[in-house]
C-alpha atoms as a PDB file:
ATOM      1  CA  MET A   1     113.315 124.715  93.452  1.00  0.00           C
ATOM      2  CA  LYS A   2     112.667 127.087  90.560  1.00  0.00           C
ATOM      3  CA  ASN A   3     109.839 127.946  88.172  1.00  0.00           C
ATOM      4  CA  ILE A   4     107.018 126.820  90.468  1.00  0.00           C
ATOM      5  CA  THR A   5     103.615 126.664  88.748  1.00  0.00           C
ATOM      6  CA  ARG A   6     100.155 125.578  89.946  1.00  0.00           C
ATOM      7  CA  HIS A   7      98.333 122.726  88.187  1.00  0.00           C
ATOM      8  CA  THR A   8      94.876 121.262  88.691  1.00  0.00           C
ATOM      9  CA  GLY A   9      94.137 117.796  87.455  1.00  0.00           C
ATOM     10  CA  ILE A  10      93.728 114.124  88.211  1.00  0.00           C
ATOM     11  CA  ILE A  11      96.751 112.090  89.426  1.00  0.00           C
ATOM     12  CA  SER A  12      97.231 109.028  87.228  1.00  0.00           C
ATOM     13  CA  ASP A  13      99.798 106.512  86.033  1.00  0.00           C
ATOM     14  CA  ILE A  14     101.728 106.309  89.312  1.00  0.00           C
ATOM     15  CA  LYS A  15     104.962 104.336  88.922  1.00  0.00           C
ATOM     16  CA  ARG A  16     107.404 103.377  91.629  1.00  0.00           C
ATOM     17  CA  LEU A  17     111.005 104.564  91.165  1.00  0.00           C
ATOM     18  CA  PRO A  18     114.096 103.201  92.963  1.00  0.00           C
ATOM     19  CA  SER A  19     114.233 104.328  96.599  1.00  0.00           C
ATOM     20  CA  SER A  20     116.572 107.074  97.678  1.00  0.00           C
ATOM     21  CA  TYR A  21     119.942 106.344  99.231  1.00  0.00           C
ATOM     22  CA  LEU A  22     118.317 106.625 102.656  1.00  0.00           C
ATOM     23  CA  GLY A  23     115.539 104.185 101.710  1.00  0.00           C
ATOM     24  CA  ASN A  24     112.653 106.620 101.239  1.00  0.00           C
ATOM     25  CA  PRO A  25     110.155 105.829  98.431  1.00  0.00           C
ATOM     26  CA  ARG A  26     110.041 107.789  95.172  1.00  0.00           C
ATOM     27  CA  TYR A  27     107.297 107.856  92.521  1.00  0.00           C
ATOM     28  CA  SER A  28     106.610 109.370  89.142  1.00  0.00           C
ATOM     29  CA  PHE A  29     103.060 110.251  88.038  1.00  0.00           C
ATOM     30  CA  MET A  30     101.055 112.131  85.470  1.00  0.00           C
ATOM     31  CA  ILE A  31      99.104 115.316  86.168  1.00  0.00           C
ATOM     32  CA  ASP A  32      97.754 117.818  83.664  1.00  0.00           C
ATOM     33  CA  GLY A  33      99.735 116.147  80.875  1.00  0.00           C
ATOM     34  CA  TYR A  34     103.100 116.354  82.681  1.00  0.00           C
ATOM     35  CA  ARG A  35     105.257 113.522  84.021  1.00  0.00           C
ATOM     36  CA  VAL A  36     106.288 114.612  87.538  1.00  0.00           C
ATOM     37  CA  THR A  37     108.407 112.915  90.256  1.00  0.00           C
ATOM     38  CA  THR A  38     108.316 113.195  93.982  1.00  0.00           C
ATOM     39  CA  GLY A  39     111.406 114.767  95.557  1.00  0.00           C
ATOM     40  CA  ILE A  40     114.279 112.749  96.948  1.00  0.00           C
ATOM     41  CA  ASP A  41     113.689 112.067 100.672  1.00  0.00           C
ATOM     42  CA  SER A  42     110.362 113.946 100.486  1.00  0.00           C
ATOM     43  CA  MET A  43     107.296 113.028 102.545  1.00  0.00           C
ATOM     44  CA  HIS A  44     105.270 113.148  99.304  1.00  0.00           C
ATOM     45  CA  GLY A  45     106.708 109.736  98.450  1.00  0.00           C
ATOM     46  CA  TYR A  46     104.735 108.214 101.303  1.00  0.00           C
ATOM     47  CA  SER A  47     101.396 109.902 100.464  1.00  0.00           C
ATOM     48  CA  ILE A  48     101.217 110.258  96.656  1.00  0.00           C
ATOM     49  CA  THR A  49      99.412 106.881  96.241  1.00  0.00           C
ATOM     50  CA  ASN A  50      96.537 108.290  98.347  1.00  0.00           C
ATOM     51  CA  TYR A  51      95.780 110.791  95.580  1.00  0.00           C
ATOM     52  CA  GLU A  52      95.523 108.350  92.641  1.00  0.00           C
ATOM     53  CA  ASP A  53      92.447 109.067  90.427  1.00  0.00           C
ATOM     54  CA  LYS A  54      91.501 112.106  92.535  1.00  0.00           C
ATOM     55  CA  GLN A  55      91.247 115.788  91.543  1.00  0.00           C
ATOM     56  CA  VAL A  56      94.106 117.771  93.118  1.00  0.00           C
ATOM     57  CA  ASN A  57      95.761 121.193  93.190  1.00  0.00           C
ATOM     58  CA  ALA A  58      99.530 120.721  92.877  1.00  0.00           C
ATOM     59  CA  THR A  59     102.483 123.043  92.680  1.00  0.00           C
ATOM     60  CA  ILE A  60     105.277 121.754  90.493  1.00  0.00           C
ATOM     61  CA  GLY A  61     108.757 123.189  90.041  1.00  0.00           C
ATOM     62  CA  THR A  62     112.033 122.288  88.422  1.00  0.00           C
ATOM     63  CA  HIS A  63     114.832 120.834  90.510  1.00  0.00           C
ATOM     64  CA  TYR A  64     118.006 120.041  88.571  1.00  0.00           C
ATOM     65  CA  ASN A  65     115.964 120.377  85.330  1.00  0.00           C
ATOM     66  CA  LYS A  66     113.449 117.729  86.409  1.00  0.00           C
ATOM     67  CA  LEU A  67     109.760 118.394  87.165  1.00  0.00           C
ATOM     68  CA  THR A  68     109.334 117.803  90.873  1.00  0.00           C
ATOM     69  CA  LEU A  69     106.267 117.965  93.142  1.00  0.00           C
ATOM     70  CA  ASP A  70     106.410 120.873  95.591  1.00  0.00           C
ATOM     71  CA  SER A  71     102.962 120.595  97.247  1.00  0.00           C
ATOM     72  CA  ILE A  72      99.709 118.792  96.725  1.00  0.00           C
ATOM     73  CA  LYS A  73      96.151 119.160  98.058  1.00  0.00           C
ATOM     74  CA  GLU A  74      93.027 117.236  97.214  1.00  0.00           C
ATOM     75  CA  LEU A  75      90.071 119.211  95.927  1.00  0.00           C
ATOM     76  CA  THR A  76      86.819 118.558  97.698  1.00  0.00           C
ATOM     77  CA  VAL A  77      83.574 118.552  95.757  1.00  0.00           C
END
């Protein structure tokens, strides 16, 4: 993964994408004005719905010229 940047924002507009070849879930979502996808066969596909409408710190990079989630952590108030 290249060009990794840190973003803080609220996860919204989560949409389910077709599953990977191995059957793992994939999602796309909005954060900080960017449309981002979870990686293929990544554990983030199982947990991204837990962050909907919550404030998070996320690192996003490009993988094959597509914005892809690298890491995510919920901000506590």
